[in-house]
Amino acid sequence: MTVVIFDIGGVLIDWNPRHLYRQLFDGDEAAMEHFLAHVCSHDWNLMQDAGRPFAEGVAELAARFPEQAELIAAYDTRWEDMVKGAIDGTVAILRELEARGTPLYCLTNFSTEKLPLCLSRFDFFEAFDGIVVSGEIGMIKPDRGIYDHLVETYGLTPSQCLFIDDNQANVAGARAAGWQAVHYVSPEHLRRELAARGLL
């Protein structure tokens, strides 16, 4: 039986730092994009996903950019404002798969400090048979080790795993680990992909 494995951010929840920083930059898109590219960047955030405490990451960055210290701190203190809500179309698919008895797992790059905020906010997490969180194990997608860790932890067969992620590099990493994978672009596209595989 095919095992379906979901990413979280950008697939099941609409997480985007722009939801917060558009407010903080008063709609100045250029200044916001510069900040997110050069200060609170993707690579900096990934360090928290890999297990670094937010307090440490914020302190390190504020020391380098003291004039932006308040904006940097908001990435931690107002993190929940980056989560607009669930992506309802994908959650509906998750629930349909659950109703069909499909084994469901979650593989996510996520801070162990912030994930509990989502676990308490969204009830769809109850659908998963298991969750592997990068921050808990110190490995991040697309490192091969995190994919192997999930199959070894739950006794799965790589070729029977179908992974859904909005990041093309993470999709490629799953395929390199012997998994099937779908690059997520929308709930409608995902539904077609799963239907074509006979899963919906």
N, C-alpha and C. Protein backbone atom coordinates (compact mmCIF):
# COMPACT_ATOMS: atom_id res chain seq x y z
N MET A 1 0.84 -1.21 0.00
CA MET A 1 0.00 0.00 0.00
C MET A 1 0.87 1.25 0.00
N THR A 2 0.46 2.23 -0.79
CA THR A 2 1.19 3.50 -0.84
C THR A 2 1.02 4.27 0.46
N VAL A 3 2.12 4.77 0.96
CA VAL A 3 2.14 5.62 2.16
C VAL A 3 2.30 7.06 1.68
N VAL A 4 1.42 7.95 2.12
CA VAL A 4 1.50 9.35 1.68
C VAL A 4 2.10 10.19 2.79
N ILE A 5 3.10 10.98 2.43
CA ILE A 5 3.86 11.78 3.39
C ILE A 5 3.78 13.25 2.99
N PHE A 6 3.30 14.07 3.91
CA PHE A 6 3.08 15.49 3.65
C PHE A 6 4.16 16.36 4.29
N ASP A 7 4.53 17.42 3.57
CA ASP A 7 5.21 18.56 4.16
C ASP A 7 4.13 19.41 4.85
N ILE A 8 4.53 20.38 5.66
CA ILE A 8 3.54 21.24 6.34
C ILE A 8 3.47 22.63 5.70
N GLY A 9 4.53 23.42 5.87
CA GLY A 9 4.50 24.81 5.40
C GLY A 9 4.40 24.91 3.89
N GLY A 10 3.41 25.64 3.41
CA GLY A 10 3.21 25.79 1.97
C GLY A 10 2.39 24.68 1.35
N VAL A 11 2.07 23.67 2.15
CA VAL A 11 1.27 22.54 1.67
C VAL A 11 -0.02 22.41 2.47
N LEU A 12 0.12 22.34 3.79
CA LEU A 12 -1.04 22.22 4.68
C LEU A 12 -1.37 23.53 5.40
N ILE A 13 -0.35 24.34 5.65
CA ILE A 13 -0.60 25.65 6.26
C ILE A 13 0.04 26.74 5.40
N ASP A 14 -0.61 27.89 5.38
CA ASP A 14 -0.11 29.04 4.63
C ASP A 14 0.83 29.82 5.53
N TRP A 15 2.08 29.33 5.60
CA TRP A 15 3.12 30.02 6.38
C TRP A 15 3.96 30.85 5.43
N ASN A 16 4.12 32.12 5.75
CA ASN A 16 4.96 32.99 4.94
C ASN A 16 5.32 34.20 5.80
N PRO A 17 6.61 34.48 5.99
CA PRO A 17 6.99 35.64 6.81
C PRO A 17 6.43 36.95 6.28
N ARG A 18 6.07 36.99 5.00
CA ARG A 18 5.51 38.22 4.42
C ARG A 18 4.17 38.58 5.05
N HIS A 19 3.44 37.59 5.55
CA HIS A 19 2.16 37.89 6.22
C HIS A 19 2.39 38.83 7.41
N LEU A 20 3.51 38.66 8.08
CA LEU A 20 3.86 39.54 9.21
C LEU A 20 4.55 40.81 8.73
N TYR A 21 5.56 40.66 7.88
CA TYR A 21 6.43 41.80 7.57
C TYR A 21 5.79 42.83 6.65
N ARG A 22 4.75 42.47 5.94
CA ARG A 22 4.01 43.50 5.20
C ARG A 22 3.42 44.52 6.16
N GLN A 23 3.02 44.05 7.33
CA GLN A 23 2.51 44.97 8.35
C GLN A 23 3.65 45.83 8.90
N LEU A 24 4.76 45.20 9.21
CA LEU A 24 5.86 45.90 9.87
C LEU A 24 6.57 46.88 8.95
N PHE A 25 6.51 46.62 7.64
CA PHE A 25 7.14 47.52 6.67
C PHE A 25 6.13 48.46 6.02
N ASP A 26 4.91 48.49 6.56
CA ASP A 26 3.86 49.40 6.06
C ASP A 26 3.69 49.30 4.54
N GLY A 27 3.78 48.07 4.04
CA GLY A 27 3.53 47.87 2.61
C GLY A 27 4.70 48.20 1.70
N ASP A 28 5.87 48.54 2.25
CA ASP A 28 7.05 48.82 1.43
C ASP A 28 7.65 47.48 0.99
N GLU A 29 7.18 46.99 -0.16
CA GLU A 29 7.57 45.65 -0.61
C GLU A 29 9.07 45.52 -0.83
N ALA A 30 9.68 46.54 -1.43
CA ALA A 30 11.11 46.47 -1.72
C ALA A 30 11.94 46.35 -0.45
N ALA A 31 11.62 47.16 0.56
CA ALA A 31 12.36 47.10 1.83
C ALA A 31 12.13 45.76 2.52
N MET A 32 10.90 45.26 2.46
CA MET A 32 10.59 43.98 3.07
C MET A 32 11.37 42.85 2.40
N GLU A 33 11.37 42.84 1.08
CA GLU A 33 12.06 41.77 0.36
C GLU A 33 13.57 41.82 0.61
N HIS A 34 14.12 43.02 0.72
CA HIS A 34 15.55 43.16 1.03
C HIS A 34 15.84 42.58 2.41
N PHE A 35 14.99 42.89 3.37
CA PHE A 35 15.15 42.38 4.73
C PHE A 35 15.09 40.85 4.76
N LEU A 36 14.13 40.27 4.05
CA LEU A 36 13.97 38.82 4.06
C LEU A 36 15.04 38.10 3.24
N ALA A 37 15.67 38.82 2.35
CA ALA A 37 16.74 38.22 1.56
C ALA A 37 18.10 38.34 2.24
N HIS A 38 18.30 39.44 2.99
CA HIS A 38 19.64 39.72 3.51
C HIS A 38 19.76 39.73 5.04
N VAL A 39 18.65 39.78 5.74
CA VAL A 39 18.70 39.78 7.21
C VAL A 39 18.05 38.49 7.71
N CYS A 40 16.76 38.48 7.89
CA CYS A 40 16.07 37.24 8.28
C CYS A 40 15.84 36.39 7.03
N SER A 41 16.90 35.81 6.54
CA SER A 41 16.87 35.10 5.26
C SER A 41 16.39 33.66 5.41
N HIS A 42 16.14 33.05 4.28
CA HIS A 42 15.75 31.64 4.25
C HIS A 42 16.80 30.77 4.95
N ASP A 43 18.06 31.01 4.64
CA ASP A 43 19.14 30.20 5.23
C ASP A 43 19.24 30.41 6.73
N TRP A 44 19.01 31.64 7.18
CA TRP A 44 19.02 31.91 8.63
C TRP A 44 17.87 31.16 9.31
N ASN A 45 16.70 31.21 8.74
CA ASN A 45 15.55 30.51 9.30
C ASN A 45 15.77 29.01 9.33
N LEU A 46 16.46 28.50 8.31
CA LEU A 46 16.72 27.07 8.22
C LEU A 46 17.56 26.57 9.39
N MET A 47 18.38 27.46 9.94
CA MET A 47 19.17 27.07 11.11
C MET A 47 18.28 26.76 12.31
N GLN A 48 17.19 27.51 12.46
CA GLN A 48 16.23 27.20 13.53
C GLN A 48 15.51 25.89 13.22
N ASP A 49 15.20 25.66 11.94
CA ASP A 49 14.59 24.39 11.54
C ASP A 49 15.51 23.22 11.85
N ALA A 50 16.82 23.48 11.82
CA ALA A 50 17.79 22.42 12.09
C ALA A 50 18.06 22.23 13.58
N GLY A 51 17.42 23.06 14.42
CA GLY A 51 17.53 22.85 15.86
C GLY A 51 18.10 23.99 16.67
N ARG A 52 18.58 25.05 16.01
CA ARG A 52 19.12 26.17 16.77
C ARG A 52 17.97 26.90 17.48
N PRO A 53 18.13 27.22 18.77
CA PRO A 53 17.09 27.98 19.47
C PRO A 53 16.88 29.35 18.83
N PHE A 54 15.63 29.80 18.81
CA PHE A 54 15.34 31.11 18.24
C PHE A 54 16.09 32.22 18.97
N ALA A 55 16.19 32.13 20.29
CA ALA A 55 16.87 33.16 21.05
C ALA A 55 18.31 33.33 20.57
N GLU A 56 18.96 32.22 20.28
CA GLU A 56 20.34 32.26 19.80
C GLU A 56 20.41 32.87 18.40
N GLY A 57 19.49 32.44 17.53
CA GLY A 57 19.48 32.97 16.17
C GLY A 57 19.19 34.45 16.12
N VAL A 58 18.23 34.90 16.94
CA VAL A 58 17.88 36.31 16.98
C VAL A 58 19.04 37.14 17.53
N ALA A 59 19.68 36.66 18.59
CA ALA A 59 20.79 37.39 19.20
C ALA A 59 21.96 37.54 18.22
N GLU A 60 22.25 36.46 17.51
CA GLU A 60 23.36 36.50 16.54
C GLU A 60 23.08 37.50 15.44
N LEU A 61 21.85 37.54 14.97
CA LEU A 61 21.50 38.43 13.87
C LEU A 61 21.40 39.89 14.34
N ALA A 62 20.85 40.08 15.53
CA ALA A 62 20.72 41.44 16.06
C ALA A 62 22.09 42.07 16.32
N ALA A 63 23.07 41.25 16.65
CA ALA A 63 24.43 41.76 16.85
C ALA A 63 25.03 42.24 15.53
N ARG A 64 24.65 41.60 14.44
CA ARG A 64 25.15 41.99 13.11
C ARG A 64 24.37 43.16 12.53
N PHE A 65 23.07 43.24 12.86
CA PHE A 65 22.21 44.29 12.32
C PHE A 65 21.47 44.99 13.47
N PRO A 66 22.18 45.71 14.34
CA PRO A 66 21.55 46.29 15.53
C PRO A 66 20.41 47.26 15.21
N GLU A 67 20.51 47.93 14.06
CA GLU A 67 19.46 48.89 13.69
C GLU A 67 18.15 48.18 13.30
N GLN A 68 18.23 46.88 13.09
CA GLN A 68 17.04 46.10 12.71
C GLN A 68 16.62 45.15 13.83
N ALA A 69 17.13 45.38 15.03
CA ALA A 69 16.92 44.43 16.12
C ALA A 69 15.44 44.15 16.40
N GLU A 70 14.61 45.17 16.37
CA GLU A 70 13.18 44.96 16.66
C GLU A 70 12.51 44.12 15.58
N LEU A 71 12.86 44.37 14.35
CA LEU A 71 12.30 43.59 13.24
C LEU A 71 12.76 42.14 13.31
N ILE A 72 14.00 41.94 13.68
CA ILE A 72 14.53 40.58 13.81
C ILE A 72 13.82 39.85 14.94
N ALA A 73 13.65 40.51 16.07
CA ALA A 73 12.99 39.88 17.22
C ALA A 73 11.56 39.47 16.89
N ALA A 74 10.90 40.23 16.03
CA ALA A 74 9.51 39.92 15.67
C ALA A 74 9.39 38.58 14.97
N TYR A 75 10.45 38.13 14.31
CA TYR A 75 10.43 36.82 13.65
C TYR A 75 10.17 35.71 14.67
N ASP A 76 10.61 35.95 15.89
CA ASP A 76 10.39 35.01 16.99
C ASP A 76 9.10 35.33 17.74
N THR A 77 8.97 36.55 18.23
CA THR A 77 7.86 36.89 19.13
C THR A 77 6.51 36.96 18.42
N ARG A 78 6.53 37.24 17.12
CA ARG A 78 5.27 37.32 16.36
C ARG A 78 5.20 36.26 15.28
N TRP A 79 5.86 35.15 15.51
CA TRP A 79 5.93 34.07 14.52
C TRP A 79 4.54 33.62 14.09
N GLU A 80 3.61 33.56 15.02
CA GLU A 80 2.26 33.07 14.69
C GLU A 80 1.56 33.94 13.65
N ASP A 81 1.96 35.21 13.56
CA ASP A 81 1.37 36.10 12.56
C ASP A 81 1.83 35.76 11.14
N MET A 82 2.82 34.88 11.03
CA MET A 82 3.25 34.42 9.71
C MET A 82 2.37 33.30 9.18
N VAL A 83 1.56 32.74 10.03
CA VAL A 83 0.69 31.62 9.65
C VAL A 83 -0.72 32.17 9.41
N LYS A 84 -1.06 32.30 8.14
CA LYS A 84 -2.36 32.88 7.79
C LYS A 84 -3.51 31.93 8.13
N GLY A 85 -3.25 30.64 7.99
CA GLY A 85 -4.28 29.65 8.28
C GLY A 85 -3.97 28.34 7.56
N ALA A 86 -4.90 27.42 7.63
CA ALA A 86 -4.75 26.16 6.92
C ALA A 86 -5.02 26.35 5.43
N ILE A 87 -4.42 25.52 4.60
CA ILE A 87 -4.75 25.48 3.18
C ILE A 87 -5.86 24.45 3.05
N ASP A 88 -7.09 24.94 3.03
CA ASP A 88 -8.26 24.08 3.21
C ASP A 88 -8.37 22.98 2.15
N GLY A 89 -8.00 23.30 0.92
CA GLY A 89 -8.10 22.29 -0.13
C GLY A 89 -7.20 21.10 0.11
N THR A 90 -6.01 21.36 0.64
CA THR A 90 -5.09 20.26 0.95
C THR A 90 -5.55 19.49 2.18
N VAL A 91 -6.05 20.20 3.16
CA VAL A 91 -6.57 19.53 4.36
C VAL A 91 -7.72 18.60 3.99
N ALA A 92 -8.57 19.03 3.05
CA ALA A 92 -9.68 18.18 2.60
C ALA A 92 -9.15 16.89 1.97
N ILE A 93 -8.07 17.01 1.20
CA ILE A 93 -7.45 15.82 0.59
C ILE A 93 -6.89 14.91 1.68
N LEU A 94 -6.22 15.50 2.66
CA LEU A 94 -5.68 14.73 3.78
C LEU A 94 -6.79 13.93 4.47
N ARG A 95 -7.91 14.58 4.72
CA ARG A 95 -9.03 13.92 5.39
C ARG A 95 -9.64 12.81 4.52
N GLU A 96 -9.67 13.02 3.21
CA GLU A 96 -10.17 11.97 2.31
C GLU A 96 -9.24 10.75 2.33
N LEU A 97 -7.96 11.00 2.30
CA LEU A 97 -7.00 9.90 2.38
C LEU A 97 -7.14 9.16 3.71
N GLU A 98 -7.32 9.92 4.78
CA GLU A 98 -7.51 9.32 6.11
C GLU A 98 -8.74 8.43 6.11
N ALA A 99 -9.83 8.90 5.51
CA ALA A 99 -11.08 8.12 5.48
C ALA A 99 -10.93 6.84 4.67
N ARG A 100 -10.01 6.85 3.72
CA ARG A 100 -9.77 5.66 2.89
C ARG A 100 -8.79 4.69 3.55
N GLY A 101 -8.28 5.06 4.72
CA GLY A 101 -7.35 4.18 5.43
C GLY A 101 -5.92 4.25 4.93
N THR A 102 -5.59 5.32 4.21
CA THR A 102 -4.23 5.48 3.69
C THR A 102 -3.28 5.79 4.84
N PRO A 103 -2.15 5.09 4.94
CA PRO A 103 -1.16 5.45 5.96
C PRO A 103 -0.62 6.86 5.68
N LEU A 104 -0.62 7.71 6.69
CA LEU A 104 -0.26 9.11 6.52
C LEU A 104 0.84 9.52 7.49
N TYR A 105 1.86 10.17 6.94
CA TYR A 105 2.96 10.65 7.77
C TYR A 105 3.29 12.09 7.36
N CYS A 106 4.13 12.71 8.17
CA CYS A 106 4.51 14.09 7.95
C CYS A 106 6.02 14.20 8.09
N LEU A 107 6.64 14.90 7.13
CA LEU A 107 8.08 15.14 7.17
C LEU A 107 8.29 16.63 6.94
N THR A 108 8.79 17.32 7.96
CA THR A 108 8.83 18.77 7.88
C THR A 108 10.12 19.38 8.40
N ASN A 109 10.57 20.42 7.71
CA ASN A 109 11.60 21.29 8.26
C ASN A 109 10.90 22.30 9.15
N PHE A 110 11.10 22.19 10.46
CA PHE A 110 10.33 23.03 11.39
C PHE A 110 11.09 23.18 12.69
N SER A 111 10.99 24.34 13.28
CA SER A 111 11.55 24.59 14.61
C SER A 111 10.74 23.83 15.66
N THR A 112 11.43 23.19 16.58
CA THR A 112 10.72 22.48 17.66
C THR A 112 10.03 23.46 18.60
N GLU A 113 10.46 24.72 18.60
CA GLU A 113 9.81 25.72 19.44
C GLU A 113 8.49 26.18 18.85
N LYS A 114 8.40 26.21 17.52
CA LYS A 114 7.22 26.76 16.86
C LYS A 114 6.19 25.71 16.48
N LEU A 115 6.59 24.48 16.25
CA LEU A 115 5.63 23.46 15.83
C LEU A 115 4.48 23.28 16.81
N PRO A 116 4.73 23.29 18.14
CA PRO A 116 3.60 23.14 19.06
C PRO A 116 2.51 24.20 18.88
N LEU A 117 2.87 25.39 18.41
CA LEU A 117 1.88 26.43 18.15
C LEU A 117 0.91 25.99 17.06
N CYS A 118 1.44 25.25 16.08
CA CYS A 118 0.59 24.75 14.99
C CYS A 118 -0.17 23.50 15.41
N LEU A 119 0.46 22.66 16.20
CA LEU A 119 -0.21 21.43 16.65
C LEU A 119 -1.45 21.76 17.47
N SER A 120 -1.39 22.83 18.25
CA SER A 120 -2.53 23.21 19.07
C SER A 120 -3.58 23.99 18.27
N ARG A 121 -3.15 24.61 17.19
CA ARG A 121 -4.05 25.46 16.40
C ARG A 121 -4.84 24.67 15.35
N PHE A 122 -4.24 23.61 14.79
CA PHE A 122 -4.86 22.88 13.68
C PHE A 122 -5.10 21.42 14.07
N ASP A 123 -6.35 20.98 13.96
CA ASP A 123 -6.68 19.62 14.39
C ASP A 123 -6.34 18.56 13.36
N PHE A 124 -5.96 18.95 12.14
CA PHE A 124 -5.69 17.93 11.12
C PHE A 124 -4.44 17.11 11.41
N PHE A 125 -3.60 17.58 12.32
CA PHE A 125 -2.39 16.81 12.65
C PHE A 125 -2.73 15.44 13.24
N GLU A 126 -3.94 15.30 13.77
CA GLU A 126 -4.35 14.02 14.35
C GLU A 126 -4.44 12.93 13.29
N ALA A 127 -4.48 13.31 12.02
CA ALA A 127 -4.60 12.32 10.94
C ALA A 127 -3.30 11.54 10.72
N PHE A 128 -2.18 12.07 11.21
CA PHE A 128 -0.90 11.44 10.90
C PHE A 128 -0.57 10.28 11.83
N ASP A 129 0.00 9.24 11.23
CA ASP A 129 0.48 8.09 11.99
C ASP A 129 1.84 8.38 12.62
N GLY A 130 2.51 9.38 12.11
CA GLY A 130 3.81 9.76 12.66
C GLY A 130 4.31 11.04 12.02
N ILE A 131 5.11 11.78 12.75
CA ILE A 131 5.67 13.05 12.26
C ILE A 131 7.17 13.07 12.55
N VAL A 132 7.96 13.40 11.52
CA VAL A 132 9.39 13.61 11.71
C VAL A 132 9.67 15.10 11.53
N VAL A 133 10.27 15.71 12.54
CA VAL A 133 10.52 17.15 12.57
C VAL A 133 12.03 17.39 12.54
N SER A 134 12.47 18.18 11.59
CA SER A 134 13.91 18.41 11.41
C SER A 134 14.58 18.90 12.69
N GLY A 135 13.93 19.85 13.38
CA GLY A 135 14.53 20.43 14.57
C GLY A 135 14.76 19.44 15.69
N GLU A 136 13.99 18.36 15.70
CA GLU A 136 14.14 17.35 16.75
C GLU A 136 15.31 16.41 16.51
N ILE A 137 15.66 16.21 15.23
CA ILE A 137 16.69 15.21 14.91
C ILE A 137 17.96 15.83 14.34
N GLY A 138 17.94 17.17 14.13
CA GLY A 138 19.15 17.85 13.66
C GLY A 138 19.50 17.56 12.21
N MET A 139 18.51 17.18 11.41
CA MET A 139 18.70 16.98 9.97
C MET A 139 17.58 17.72 9.26
N ILE A 140 17.89 18.26 8.08
CA ILE A 140 16.89 19.00 7.33
C ILE A 140 16.81 18.49 5.90
N LYS A 141 15.60 18.58 5.34
CA LYS A 141 15.45 18.31 3.91
C LYS A 141 16.24 19.36 3.13
N PRO A 142 16.88 19.02 2.04
CA PRO A 142 16.83 17.73 1.34
C PRO A 142 17.95 16.75 1.69
N ASP A 143 18.54 16.84 2.90
CA ASP A 143 19.58 15.88 3.28
C ASP A 143 19.02 14.46 3.23
N ARG A 144 19.76 13.56 2.65
CA ARG A 144 19.29 12.17 2.50
C ARG A 144 18.92 11.55 3.84
N GLY A 145 19.66 11.90 4.88
CA GLY A 145 19.46 11.26 6.17
C GLY A 145 18.07 11.41 6.74
N ILE A 146 17.40 12.54 6.47
CA ILE A 146 16.09 12.76 7.08
C ILE A 146 15.03 11.86 6.46
N TYR A 147 15.18 11.57 5.17
CA TYR A 147 14.25 10.66 4.50
C TYR A 147 14.46 9.23 5.02
N ASP A 148 15.74 8.85 5.12
CA ASP A 148 16.05 7.51 5.65
C ASP A 148 15.59 7.37 7.09
N HIS A 149 15.71 8.45 7.86
CA HIS A 149 15.28 8.41 9.26
C HIS A 149 13.79 8.10 9.36
N LEU A 150 12.98 8.71 8.52
CA LEU A 150 11.54 8.46 8.59
C LEU A 150 11.20 7.01 8.27
N VAL A 151 11.76 6.47 7.19
CA VAL A 151 11.41 5.09 6.82
C VAL A 151 11.92 4.09 7.86
N GLU A 152 13.09 4.38 8.42
CA GLU A 152 13.64 3.47 9.44
C GLU A 152 12.84 3.56 10.74
N THR A 153 12.42 4.76 11.11
CA THR A 153 11.66 4.95 12.35
C THR A 153 10.32 4.23 12.31
N TYR A 154 9.66 4.29 11.16
CA TYR A 154 8.30 3.74 11.07
C TYR A 154 8.21 2.44 10.28
N GLY A 155 9.36 1.89 9.91
CA GLY A 155 9.37 0.60 9.22
C GLY A 155 8.70 0.63 7.86
N LEU A 156 8.96 1.69 7.10
CA LEU A 156 8.33 1.85 5.78
C LEU A 156 9.28 1.38 4.67
N THR A 157 8.70 1.14 3.50
CA THR A 157 9.46 0.77 2.31
C THR A 157 9.57 1.99 1.41
N PRO A 158 10.79 2.46 1.12
CA PRO A 158 10.95 3.70 0.36
C PRO A 158 10.13 3.76 -0.92
N SER A 159 10.10 2.68 -1.70
CA SER A 159 9.39 2.71 -2.98
C SER A 159 7.88 2.86 -2.82
N GLN A 160 7.37 2.61 -1.62
CA GLN A 160 5.93 2.75 -1.38
C GLN A 160 5.58 4.12 -0.78
N CYS A 161 6.58 4.95 -0.57
CA CYS A 161 6.37 6.28 0.00
C CYS A 161 6.13 7.30 -1.10
N LEU A 162 5.07 8.08 -0.97
CA LEU A 162 4.77 9.18 -1.89
C LEU A 162 4.83 10.48 -1.10
N PHE A 163 5.79 11.32 -1.44
CA PHE A 163 6.05 12.54 -0.69
C PHE A 163 5.49 13.75 -1.42
N ILE A 164 4.90 14.68 -0.66
CA ILE A 164 4.30 15.90 -1.21
C ILE A 164 4.98 17.10 -0.57
N ASP A 165 5.63 17.94 -1.39
CA ASP A 165 6.37 19.10 -0.87
C ASP A 165 6.32 20.21 -1.90
N ASP A 166 6.27 21.46 -1.42
CA ASP A 166 6.24 22.60 -2.34
C ASP A 166 7.62 23.06 -2.76
N ASN A 167 8.67 22.47 -2.20
CA ASN A 167 10.04 22.84 -2.52
C ASN A 167 10.64 21.79 -3.46
N GLN A 168 11.03 22.23 -4.65
CA GLN A 168 11.51 21.30 -5.66
C GLN A 168 12.75 20.53 -5.20
N ALA A 169 13.63 21.20 -4.44
CA ALA A 169 14.84 20.52 -3.95
C ALA A 169 14.47 19.39 -3.00
N ASN A 170 13.44 19.59 -2.18
CA ASN A 170 13.01 18.55 -1.24
C ASN A 170 12.36 17.38 -1.98
N VAL A 171 11.65 17.69 -3.06
CA VAL A 171 11.08 16.65 -3.91
C VAL A 171 12.19 15.81 -4.53
N ALA A 172 13.22 16.49 -5.05
CA ALA A 172 14.35 15.78 -5.64
C ALA A 172 15.06 14.92 -4.60
N GLY A 173 15.17 15.44 -3.37
CA GLY A 173 15.80 14.67 -2.30
C GLY A 173 15.04 13.40 -1.99
N ALA A 174 13.71 13.48 -2.02
CA ALA A 174 12.89 12.30 -1.77
C ALA A 174 13.08 11.26 -2.86
N ARG A 175 13.11 11.72 -4.09
CA ARG A 175 13.30 10.79 -5.21
C ARG A 175 14.68 10.13 -5.14
N ALA A 176 15.68 10.89 -4.72
CA ALA A 176 17.03 10.33 -4.57
C ALA A 176 17.07 9.27 -3.48
N ALA A 177 16.15 9.36 -2.52
CA ALA A 177 16.07 8.38 -1.43
C ALA A 177 15.20 7.17 -1.81
N GLY A 178 14.75 7.14 -3.06
CA GLY A 178 13.97 6.00 -3.53
C GLY A 178 12.47 6.15 -3.36
N TRP A 179 12.02 7.36 -3.00
CA TRP A 179 10.60 7.61 -2.83
C TRP A 179 9.98 8.08 -4.15
N GLN A 180 8.65 7.97 -4.23
CA GLN A 180 7.89 8.70 -5.22
C GLN A 180 7.66 10.10 -4.64
N ALA A 181 7.41 11.06 -5.51
CA ALA A 181 7.23 12.42 -4.99
C ALA A 181 6.40 13.26 -5.95
N VAL A 182 5.65 14.19 -5.37
CA VAL A 182 4.86 15.16 -6.13
C VAL A 182 5.28 16.55 -5.70
N HIS A 183 5.58 17.40 -6.68
CA HIS A 183 5.86 18.81 -6.38
C HIS A 183 4.52 19.52 -6.22
N TYR A 184 4.25 19.99 -5.02
CA TYR A 184 2.98 20.64 -4.71
C TYR A 184 2.93 22.05 -5.28
N VAL A 185 1.86 22.34 -6.03
CA VAL A 185 1.64 23.70 -6.53
C VAL A 185 0.27 24.24 -6.13
N SER A 186 -0.69 23.35 -5.93
CA SER A 186 -2.03 23.77 -5.52
C SER A 186 -2.81 22.53 -5.10
N PRO A 187 -3.89 22.72 -4.31
CA PRO A 187 -4.73 21.56 -3.96
C PRO A 187 -5.30 20.88 -5.20
N GLU A 188 -5.69 21.66 -6.20
CA GLU A 188 -6.29 21.09 -7.41
C GLU A 188 -5.30 20.21 -8.15
N HIS A 189 -4.08 20.68 -8.28
CA HIS A 189 -3.03 19.90 -8.94
C HIS A 189 -2.74 18.63 -8.15
N LEU A 190 -2.66 18.75 -6.84
CA LEU A 190 -2.39 17.59 -6.00
C LEU A 190 -3.51 16.55 -6.13
N ARG A 191 -4.73 17.02 -6.16
CA ARG A 191 -5.87 16.09 -6.30
C ARG A 191 -5.76 15.30 -7.61
N ARG A 192 -5.40 15.99 -8.69
CA ARG A 192 -5.23 15.29 -9.98
C ARG A 192 -4.11 14.28 -9.91
N GLU A 193 -3.01 14.65 -9.28
CA GLU A 193 -1.86 13.74 -9.17
C GLU A 193 -2.22 12.48 -8.37
N LEU A 194 -2.93 12.66 -7.28
CA LEU A 194 -3.30 11.52 -6.44
C LEU A 194 -4.36 10.65 -7.11
N ALA A 195 -5.29 11.30 -7.80
CA ALA A 195 -6.33 10.54 -8.53
C ALA A 195 -5.69 9.70 -9.62
N ALA A 196 -4.69 10.24 -10.31
CA ALA A 196 -4.02 9.50 -11.37
C ALA A 196 -3.30 8.26 -10.84
N ARG A 197 -2.93 8.30 -9.55
CA ARG A 197 -2.28 7.17 -8.92
C ARG A 197 -3.29 6.23 -8.22
N GLY A 198 -4.57 6.55 -8.35
CA GLY A 198 -5.61 5.71 -7.75
C GLY A 198 -5.75 5.87 -6.25
N LEU A 199 -5.24 6.99 -5.72
CA LEU A 199 -5.28 7.19 -4.27
C LEU A 199 -6.51 7.98 -3.83
N LEU A 200 -7.19 8.62 -4.76
CA LEU A 200 -8.43 9.34 -4.46
C LEU A 200 -9.52 8.89 -5.44
